[in-house]
């Protein structure tokens, strides 16, 4: 959490009304929603000590050609959950995931994380980048990142990240039977930063590899291909 510039703690009641910014309303006809899902599948279950290969042209893929996220972003973490994850550990996992991306570019990707001690249950365009647990409708989907981009400017302007409650979550370094929160959060933030999934099973060492499973912590640290991708979007 050391590299993140600002962490704001906001204790808010279970009901919170969010006002959509006027600029977002006026440009809504230009906004397109895109959802990326990470699913159960072939994955390297453990972080390895071996050197990860140098990147090739197939080691990253952009979601939107010549697209870019409107940075710096602010994340709102809804910490109430039934997974047994306390608010400190929840925010820490998200912050560490953000720091991993931030450490490989000087662009300044994440400026603020706000903790909200309540629950968010739906993905919606409301001027807020929400991170929360929810019951996703499709089986075998571990988490989703759903973002909205402006077709005119090619900017990603908002993203919600939901971790599916169908799985048992926590710290897989402590218990390998759990789905690792930081691992999946790092992957999902990659989508917010305009990187798409990679499905080549020989590239399961990539953070943006599109499959995962319990015990997988490989995605916590970026591989050379992931770093090449984030620098393609934002520079070194």
C-alpha atoms as a PDB file:
ATOM      1  CA  UNK A   1       0.000   0.000   0.000  1.00  0.00           C
ATOM      2  CA  UNK A   2       3.003   2.297   0.270  1.00  0.00           C
ATOM      3  CA  UNK A   3       2.994   3.586  -3.309  1.00  0.00           C
ATOM      4  CA  UNK A   4      -0.659   4.592  -3.446  1.00  0.00           C
ATOM      5  CA  UNK A   5      -0.824   8.345  -2.992  1.00  0.00           C
ATOM      6  CA  UNK A   6      -4.154   8.659  -1.205  1.00  0.00           C
ATOM      7  CA  UNK A   7      -6.310   6.211   0.734  1.00  0.00           C
ATOM      8  CA  UNK A   8      -9.541   7.741   2.022  1.00  0.00           C
ATOM      9  CA  UNK A   9     -11.624   5.932   4.629  1.00  0.00           C
ATOM     10  CA  UNK A  10     -15.338   6.776   4.517  1.00  0.00           C
ATOM     11  CA  UNK A  11     -17.740   5.003   6.861  1.00  0.00           C
ATOM     12  CA  UNK A  12     -21.096   5.286   5.181  1.00  0.00           C
ATOM     13  CA  UNK A  13     -24.470   3.764   6.055  1.00  0.00           C
ATOM     14  CA  UNK A  14     -25.867   0.872   4.060  1.00  0.00           C
ATOM     15  CA  UNK A  15     -27.840   3.198   1.797  1.00  0.00           C
ATOM     16  CA  UNK A  16     -25.927   5.707  -0.275  1.00  0.00           C
ATOM     17  CA  UNK A  17     -27.328   7.923  -3.019  1.00  0.00           C
ATOM     18  CA  UNK A  18     -24.928   8.731  -5.856  1.00  0.00           C
ATOM     19  CA  UNK A  19     -25.541  11.679  -8.148  1.00  0.00           C
ATOM     20  CA  UNK A  20     -24.394  11.154 -11.708  1.00  0.00           C
ATOM     21  CA  UNK A  21     -22.195  14.016 -12.932  1.00  0.00           C
ATOM     22  CA  UNK A  22     -23.823  16.280 -15.522  1.00  0.00           C
ATOM     23  CA  UNK A  23     -20.944  15.738 -17.953  1.00  0.00           C
ATOM     24  CA  UNK A  24     -21.545  11.989 -17.820  1.00  0.00           C
ATOM     25  CA  UNK A  25     -25.266  12.430 -18.463  1.00  0.00           C
ATOM     26  CA  UNK A  26     -24.708  14.740 -21.421  1.00  0.00           C
ATOM     27  CA  UNK A  27     -22.217  12.334 -23.039  1.00  0.00           C
ATOM     28  CA  UNK A  28     -24.122   9.154 -22.249  1.00  0.00           C
ATOM     29  CA  UNK A  29     -25.177   8.568 -25.857  1.00  0.00           C
ATOM     30  CA  UNK A  30     -21.469   8.163 -26.724  1.00  0.00           C
ATOM     31  CA  UNK A  31     -20.790   5.577 -23.998  1.00  0.00           C
ATOM     32  CA  UNK A  32     -20.508   1.853 -24.740  1.00  0.00           C
ATOM     33  CA  UNK A  33     -20.396  -0.823 -22.046  1.00  0.00           C
ATOM     34  CA  UNK A  34     -17.907  -3.699 -22.315  1.00  0.00           C
ATOM     35  CA  UNK A  35     -17.687  -6.591 -19.838  1.00  0.00           C
ATOM     36  CA  UNK A  36     -14.698  -8.896 -19.367  1.00  0.00           C
ATOM     37  CA  UNK A  37     -15.022 -12.149 -17.400  1.00  0.00           C
ATOM     38  CA  UNK A  38     -12.283 -14.259 -15.850  1.00  0.00           C
ATOM     39  CA  UNK A  39     -13.345 -17.892 -15.577  1.00  0.00           C
ATOM     40  CA  UNK A  40     -12.316 -21.161 -13.995  1.00  0.00           C
ATOM     41  CA  UNK A  41      -9.860 -22.970 -16.238  1.00  0.00           C
ATOM     42  CA  UNK A  42      -6.269 -23.941 -16.888  1.00  0.00           C
ATOM     43  CA  UNK A  43      -4.014 -21.815 -14.733  1.00  0.00           C
ATOM     44  CA  UNK A  44      -0.695 -21.992 -12.992  1.00  0.00           C
ATOM     45  CA  UNK A  45      -1.765 -22.483  -9.342  1.00  0.00           C
ATOM     46  CA  UNK A  46       1.434 -21.148  -7.786  1.00  0.00           C
ATOM     47  CA  UNK A  47       3.747 -18.196  -8.183  1.00  0.00           C
ATOM     48  CA  UNK A  48       6.991 -19.500  -9.655  1.00  0.00           C
ATOM     49  CA  UNK A  49      10.578 -18.506  -9.082  1.00  0.00           C
ATOM     50  CA  UNK A  50      11.501 -19.065 -12.716  1.00  0.00           C
ATOM     51  CA  UNK A  51      12.244 -16.077 -14.912  1.00  0.00           C
ATOM     52  CA  UNK A  52       9.232 -15.090 -16.962  1.00  0.00           C
ATOM     53  CA  UNK A  53       9.843 -14.891 -20.718  1.00  0.00           C
ATOM     54  CA  UNK A  54      10.526 -11.647 -22.533  1.00  0.00           C
ATOM     55  CA  UNK A  55       7.379 -10.237 -24.129  1.00  0.00           C
ATOM     56  CA  UNK A  56       6.340 -11.021 -27.681  1.00  0.00           C
ATOM     57  CA  UNK A  57       3.719  -9.354 -29.849  1.00  0.00           C
ATOM     58  CA  UNK A  58       1.113 -11.842 -28.557  1.00  0.00           C
ATOM     59  CA  UNK A  59       1.810 -11.298 -24.841  1.00  0.00           C
ATOM     60  CA  UNK A  60      -0.676  -8.464 -24.504  1.00  0.00           C
ATOM     61  CA  UNK A  61      -3.806  -7.331 -26.268  1.00  0.00           C
ATOM     62  CA  UNK A  62      -5.579  -3.988 -26.108  1.00  0.00           C
ATOM     63  CA  UNK A  63      -9.323  -3.918 -25.486  1.00  0.00           C
ATOM     64  CA  UNK A  64      -9.855  -0.707 -27.463  1.00  0.00           C
ATOM     65  CA  UNK A  65      -7.507   0.133 -30.304  1.00  0.00           C
ATOM     66  CA  UNK A  66      -5.760   3.406 -29.461  1.00  0.00           C
ATOM     67  CA  UNK A  67      -7.909   3.588 -26.335  1.00  0.00           C
ATOM     68  CA  UNK A  68      -6.843   4.996 -22.984  1.00  0.00           C
ATOM     69  CA  UNK A  69      -8.305   5.199 -19.490  1.00  0.00           C
ATOM     70  CA  UNK A  70      -9.181   8.623 -18.119  1.00  0.00           C
ATOM     71  CA  UNK A  71      -6.557   8.656 -15.345  1.00  0.00           C
ATOM     72  CA  UNK A  72      -5.933   9.019 -12.504  1.00  0.00           C
ATOM     73  CA  UNK A  73      -8.809   6.837 -11.354  1.00  0.00           C
ATOM     74  CA  UNK A  74     -10.471   6.736  -7.936  1.00  0.00           C
ATOM     75  CA  UNK A  75     -11.823   3.412  -6.657  1.00  0.00           C
ATOM     76  CA  UNK A  76     -14.679   2.910  -4.204  1.00  0.00           C
ATOM     77  CA  UNK A  77     -14.378  -0.385  -2.298  1.00  0.00           C
ATOM     78  CA  UNK A  78     -17.631  -1.651  -0.753  1.00  0.00           C
ATOM     79  CA  UNK A  79     -16.184  -3.756   2.032  1.00  0.00           C
ATOM     80  CA  UNK A  80     -19.283  -5.477   3.437  1.00  0.00           C
ATOM     81  CA  UNK A  81     -19.163  -9.139   2.437  1.00  0.00           C
ATOM     82  CA  UNK A  82     -20.029 -12.659   3.571  1.00  0.00           C
ATOM     83  CA  UNK A  83     -16.608 -14.071   2.679  1.00  0.00           C
ATOM     84  CA  UNK A  84     -15.067 -13.367   6.071  1.00  0.00           C
ATOM     85  CA  UNK A  85     -12.696 -10.744   4.625  1.00  0.00           C
ATOM     86  CA  UNK A  86     -12.296  -7.785   6.965  1.00  0.00           C
ATOM     87  CA  UNK A  87     -12.288  -4.265   5.580  1.00  0.00           C
ATOM     88  CA  UNK A  88      -8.563  -3.709   6.178  1.00  0.00           C
ATOM     89  CA  UNK A  89      -7.583  -6.835   4.227  1.00  0.00           C
ATOM     90  CA  UNK A  90     -10.081  -6.050   1.463  1.00  0.00           C
ATOM     91  CA  UNK A  91      -8.779  -2.499   0.913  1.00  0.00           C
ATOM     92  CA  UNK A  92      -5.170  -3.698   1.247  1.00  0.00           C
ATOM     93  CA  UNK A  93      -5.644  -6.315  -1.496  1.00  0.00           C
ATOM     94  CA  UNK A  94      -7.117  -3.736  -3.877  1.00  0.00           C
ATOM     95  CA  UNK A  95      -4.432  -1.182  -3.023  1.00  0.00           C
ATOM     96  CA  UNK A  96      -1.612  -3.696  -3.535  1.00  0.00           C
ATOM     97  CA  UNK A  97      -3.128  -4.707  -6.884  1.00  0.00           C
ATOM     98  CA  UNK A  98      -3.278  -1.042  -7.957  1.00  0.00           C
ATOM     99  CA  UNK A  99       0.282  -0.448  -6.785  1.00  0.00           C
ATOM    100  CA  UNK A 100       1.532  -3.316  -8.941  1.00  0.00           C
ATOM    101  CA  UNK A 101       0.249  -1.637 -12.110  1.00  0.00           C
ATOM    102  CA  UNK A 102       1.333   1.831 -10.940  1.00  0.00           C
ATOM    103  CA  UNK A 103       4.882   0.653 -10.284  1.00  0.00           C
ATOM    104  CA  UNK A 104       5.486  -0.153 -13.958  1.00  0.00           C
ATOM    105  CA  UNK A 105       4.517   3.191 -15.483  1.00  0.00           C
ATOM    106  CA  UNK A 106       5.065   6.789 -14.444  1.00  0.00           C
ATOM    107  CA  UNK A 107       1.606   7.804 -15.674  1.00  0.00           C
ATOM    108  CA  UNK A 108      -0.012   7.796 -12.205  1.00  0.00           C
ATOM    109  CA  UNK A 109      -2.906   5.366 -12.656  1.00  0.00           C
ATOM    110  CA  UNK A 110      -4.691   5.357  -9.279  1.00  0.00           C
ATOM    111  CA  UNK A 111      -5.032   8.430  -7.069  1.00  0.00           C
ATOM    112  CA  UNK A 112      -7.523   7.442  -4.396  1.00  0.00           C
ATOM    113  CA  UNK A 113      -9.238   4.481  -2.770  1.00  0.00           C
ATOM    114  CA  UNK A 114     -12.373   5.117  -0.726  1.00  0.00           C
ATOM    115  CA  UNK A 115     -13.660   2.484   1.668  1.00  0.00           C
ATOM    116  CA  UNK A 116     -17.427   2.248   2.105  1.00  0.00           C
ATOM    117  CA  UNK A 117     -18.712   0.066   4.925  1.00  0.00           C
ATOM    118  CA  UNK A 118     -21.767  -1.145   3.062  1.00  0.00           C
ATOM    119  CA  UNK A 119     -22.650  -3.346   0.131  1.00  0.00           C
ATOM    120  CA  UNK A 120     -23.039  -2.670  -3.582  1.00  0.00           C
ATOM    121  CA  UNK A 121     -24.911  -5.323  -5.538  1.00  0.00           C
ATOM    122  CA  UNK A 122     -25.070  -4.153  -9.117  1.00  0.00           C
ATOM    123  CA  UNK A 123     -22.880  -2.950 -11.951  1.00  0.00           C
ATOM    124  CA  UNK A 124     -24.110   0.449 -13.046  1.00  0.00           C
ATOM    125  CA  UNK A 125     -23.048   3.644 -14.769  1.00  0.00           C
ATOM    126  CA  UNK A 126     -23.199   6.193 -11.949  1.00  0.00           C
ATOM    127  CA  UNK A 127     -19.943   8.136 -11.949  1.00  0.00           C
ATOM    128  CA  UNK A 128     -18.265   5.743  -9.501  1.00  0.00           C
ATOM    129  CA  UNK A 129     -15.663   2.993  -9.975  1.00  0.00           C
ATOM    130  CA  UNK A 130     -17.113   0.423  -7.577  1.00  0.00           C
ATOM    131  CA  UNK A 131     -15.293  -2.686  -6.320  1.00  0.00           C
ATOM    132  CA  UNK A 132     -17.458  -5.212  -4.477  1.00  0.00           C
ATOM    133  CA  UNK A 133     -18.649  -8.784  -3.977  1.00  0.00           C
ATOM    134  CA  UNK A 134     -21.829  -9.932  -5.695  1.00  0.00           C
ATOM    135  CA  UNK A 135     -23.649 -12.990  -6.993  1.00  0.00           C
ATOM    136  CA  UNK A 136     -22.866 -13.185 -10.713  1.00  0.00           C
ATOM    137  CA  UNK A 137     -25.439 -14.958 -12.844  1.00  0.00           C
ATOM    138  CA  UNK A 138     -23.119 -17.148 -14.937  1.00  0.00           C
ATOM    139  CA  UNK A 139     -21.422 -20.266 -13.593  1.00  0.00           C
ATOM    140  CA  UNK A 140     -17.625 -20.582 -13.548  1.00  0.00           C
ATOM    141  CA  UNK A 141     -17.135 -16.808 -13.738  1.00  0.00           C
ATOM    142  CA  UNK A 142     -14.759 -15.743 -10.969  1.00  0.00           C
ATOM    143  CA  UNK A 143     -15.049 -11.982 -11.427  1.00  0.00           C
ATOM    144  CA  UNK A 144     -16.062  -9.360 -13.957  1.00  0.00           C
ATOM    145  CA  UNK A 145     -14.771  -5.949 -14.933  1.00  0.00           C
ATOM    146  CA  UNK A 146     -17.434  -3.923 -16.712  1.00  0.00           C
ATOM    147  CA  UNK A 147     -16.345  -0.597 -18.158  1.00  0.00           C
ATOM    148  CA  UNK A 148     -17.812   2.198 -20.216  1.00  0.00           C
ATOM    149  CA  UNK A 149     -15.851   3.959 -22.925  1.00  0.00           C
ATOM    150  CA  UNK A 150     -16.565   7.043 -24.957  1.00  0.00           C
ATOM    151  CA  UNK A 151     -16.697   6.206 -28.667  1.00  0.00           C
ATOM    152  CA  UNK A 152     -15.771   9.756 -29.637  1.00  0.00           C
ATOM    153  CA  UNK A 153     -12.702  10.096 -27.418  1.00  0.00           C
ATOM    154  CA  UNK A 154     -11.817   6.370 -27.011  1.00  0.00           C
ATOM    155  CA  UNK A 155     -11.472   6.995 -23.282  1.00  0.00           C
ATOM    156  CA  UNK A 156     -12.551   4.484 -20.641  1.00  0.00           C
ATOM    157  CA  UNK A 157     -14.434   6.706 -18.219  1.00  0.00           C
ATOM    158  CA  UNK A 158     -15.787   4.287 -15.596  1.00  0.00           C
ATOM    159  CA  UNK A 159     -15.394   0.678 -14.483  1.00  0.00           C
ATOM    160  CA  UNK A 160     -17.068  -1.575 -11.910  1.00  0.00           C
ATOM    161  CA  UNK A 161     -15.361  -4.742 -10.630  1.00  0.00           C
ATOM    162  CA  UNK A 162     -17.392  -7.543  -9.035  1.00  0.00           C
ATOM    163  CA  UNK A 163     -16.002 -10.668  -7.351  1.00  0.00           C
ATOM    164  CA  UNK A 164     -18.412 -13.597  -7.568  1.00  0.00           C
ATOM    165  CA  UNK A 165     -19.649 -14.866  -4.197  1.00  0.00           C
ATOM    166  CA  UNK A 166     -19.949 -18.403  -5.589  1.00  0.00           C
ATOM    167  CA  UNK A 167     -16.297 -18.883  -4.606  1.00  0.00           C
ATOM    168  CA  UNK A 168     -14.458 -18.905  -1.277  1.00  0.00           C
ATOM    169  CA  UNK A 169     -12.201 -15.847  -1.183  1.00  0.00           C
ATOM    170  CA  UNK A 170      -9.181 -14.812   0.842  1.00  0.00           C
ATOM    171  CA  UNK A 171      -5.390 -14.950   0.814  1.00  0.00           C
ATOM    172  CA  UNK A 172      -4.218 -17.986  -1.158  1.00  0.00           C
ATOM    173  CA  UNK A 173      -0.707 -17.546   0.225  1.00  0.00           C
ATOM    174  CA  UNK A 174      -2.177 -18.512   3.589  1.00  0.00           C
ATOM    175  CA  UNK A 175      -4.715 -21.078   2.338  1.00  0.00           C
ATOM    176  CA  UNK A 176      -4.300 -22.455  -1.200  1.00  0.00           C
ATOM    177  CA  UNK A 177      -7.908 -23.685  -1.255  1.00  0.00           C
ATOM    178  CA  UNK A 178      -9.106 -20.059  -1.510  1.00  0.00           C
ATOM    179  CA  UNK A 179      -9.595 -17.800  -4.516  1.00  0.00           C
ATOM    180  CA  UNK A 180      -6.953 -15.123  -4.041  1.00  0.00           C
ATOM    181  CA  UNK A 181      -8.487 -11.636  -3.854  1.00  0.00           C
ATOM    182  CA  UNK A 182      -5.341  -9.673  -4.713  1.00  0.00           C
ATOM    183  CA  UNK A 183      -4.577 -12.023  -7.606  1.00  0.00           C
ATOM    184  CA  UNK A 184      -7.957 -11.531  -9.268  1.00  0.00           C
ATOM    185  CA  UNK A 185      -8.074  -7.805  -8.436  1.00  0.00           C
ATOM    186  CA  UNK A 186      -4.776  -7.254 -10.256  1.00  0.00           C
ATOM    187  CA  UNK A 187      -6.166  -9.002 -13.339  1.00  0.00           C
ATOM    188  CA  UNK A 188      -9.437  -7.050 -13.275  1.00  0.00           C
ATOM    189  CA  UNK A 189      -7.687  -3.697 -12.928  1.00  0.00           C
ATOM    190  CA  UNK A 190      -5.793  -4.575 -16.104  1.00  0.00           C
ATOM    191  CA  UNK A 191      -9.110  -4.420 -17.942  1.00  0.00           C
ATOM    192  CA  UNK A 192      -9.783  -0.954 -16.523  1.00  0.00           C
ATOM    193  CA  UNK A 193      -6.422   0.049 -18.010  1.00  0.00           C
ATOM    194  CA  UNK A 194      -7.475  -1.159 -21.498  1.00  0.00           C
ATOM    195  CA  UNK A 195      -5.849  -4.601 -21.547  1.00  0.00           C
ATOM    196  CA  UNK A 196      -7.790  -7.626 -22.786  1.00  0.00           C
ATOM    197  CA  UNK A 197      -7.620 -11.291 -21.787  1.00  0.00           C
ATOM    198  CA  UNK A 198      -4.999 -13.664 -23.212  1.00  0.00           C
ATOM    199  CA  UNK A 199      -6.241 -17.251 -23.689  1.00  0.00           C
ATOM    200  CA  UNK A 200      -3.085 -19.014 -24.914  1.00  0.00           C
ATOM    201  CA  UNK A 201      -2.493 -21.744 -22.284  1.00  0.00           C
ATOM    202  CA  UNK A 202       1.257 -21.499 -22.813  1.00  0.00           C
ATOM    203  CA  UNK A 203       1.055 -17.941 -21.410  1.00  0.00           C
ATOM    204  CA  UNK A 204      -0.544 -18.758 -18.058  1.00  0.00           C
ATOM    205  CA  UNK A 205       2.185 -16.759 -16.302  1.00  0.00           C
ATOM    206  CA  UNK A 206       0.633 -13.495 -17.552  1.00  0.00           C
ATOM    207  CA  UNK A 207      -1.494 -11.390 -15.222  1.00  0.00           C
ATOM    208  CA  UNK A 208      -3.926 -10.949 -18.116  1.00  0.00           C
ATOM    209  CA  UNK A 209      -4.242 -14.703 -18.725  1.00  0.00           C
ATOM    210  CA  UNK A 210      -8.014 -15.188 -18.876  1.00  0.00           C
ATOM    211  CA  UNK A 211      -8.330 -18.213 -16.575  1.00  0.00           C
ATOM    212  CA  UNK A 212      -7.649 -18.753 -12.913  1.00  0.00           C
ATOM    213  CA  UNK A 213      -8.558 -20.945  -9.975  1.00  0.00           C
ATOM    214  CA  UNK A 214      -8.185 -21.496  -6.274  1.00  0.00           C
ATOM    215  CA  UNK A 215      -4.601 -21.143  -5.074  1.00  0.00           C
ATOM    216  CA  UNK A 216      -3.463 -19.096  -8.076  1.00  0.00           C
ATOM    217  CA  UNK A 217      -1.327 -16.102  -7.048  1.00  0.00           C
ATOM    218  CA  UNK A 218       0.643 -15.806 -10.310  1.00  0.00           C
ATOM    219  CA  UNK A 219      -1.342 -12.747 -11.412  1.00  0.00           C
ATOM    220  CA  UNK A 220      -0.295 -10.672  -8.378  1.00  0.00           C
ATOM    221  CA  UNK A 221       2.936  -9.682 -10.129  1.00  0.00           C
ATOM    222  CA  UNK A 222       3.068  -8.463 -13.723  1.00  0.00           C
ATOM    223  CA  UNK A 223       4.998 -10.445 -16.298  1.00  0.00           C
ATOM    224  CA  UNK A 224       7.024  -8.750 -19.026  1.00  0.00           C
ATOM    225  CA  UNK A 225       4.089  -8.989 -21.442  1.00  0.00           C
ATOM    226  CA  UNK A 226       1.742  -7.258 -19.011  1.00  0.00           C
ATOM    227  CA  UNK A 227       4.325  -4.511 -18.461  1.00  0.00           C
ATOM    228  CA  UNK A 228       4.725  -4.071 -22.207  1.00  0.00           C
ATOM    229  CA  UNK A 229       0.944  -3.758 -22.488  1.00  0.00           C
ATOM    230  CA  UNK A 230       0.524  -1.108 -19.787  1.00  0.00           C
ATOM    231  CA  UNK A 231       3.414   0.867 -21.284  1.00  0.00           C
ATOM    232  CA  UNK A 232       1.872   0.607 -24.735  1.00  0.00           C
ATOM    233  CA  UNK A 233      -1.177   2.413 -23.347  1.00  0.00           C
ATOM    234  CA  UNK A 234       0.443   4.881 -20.908  1.00  0.00           C
ATOM    235  CA  UNK A 235       4.182   4.936 -21.626  1.00  0.00           C
ATOM    236  CA  UNK A 236       7.062   3.901 -19.337  1.00  0.00           C
END
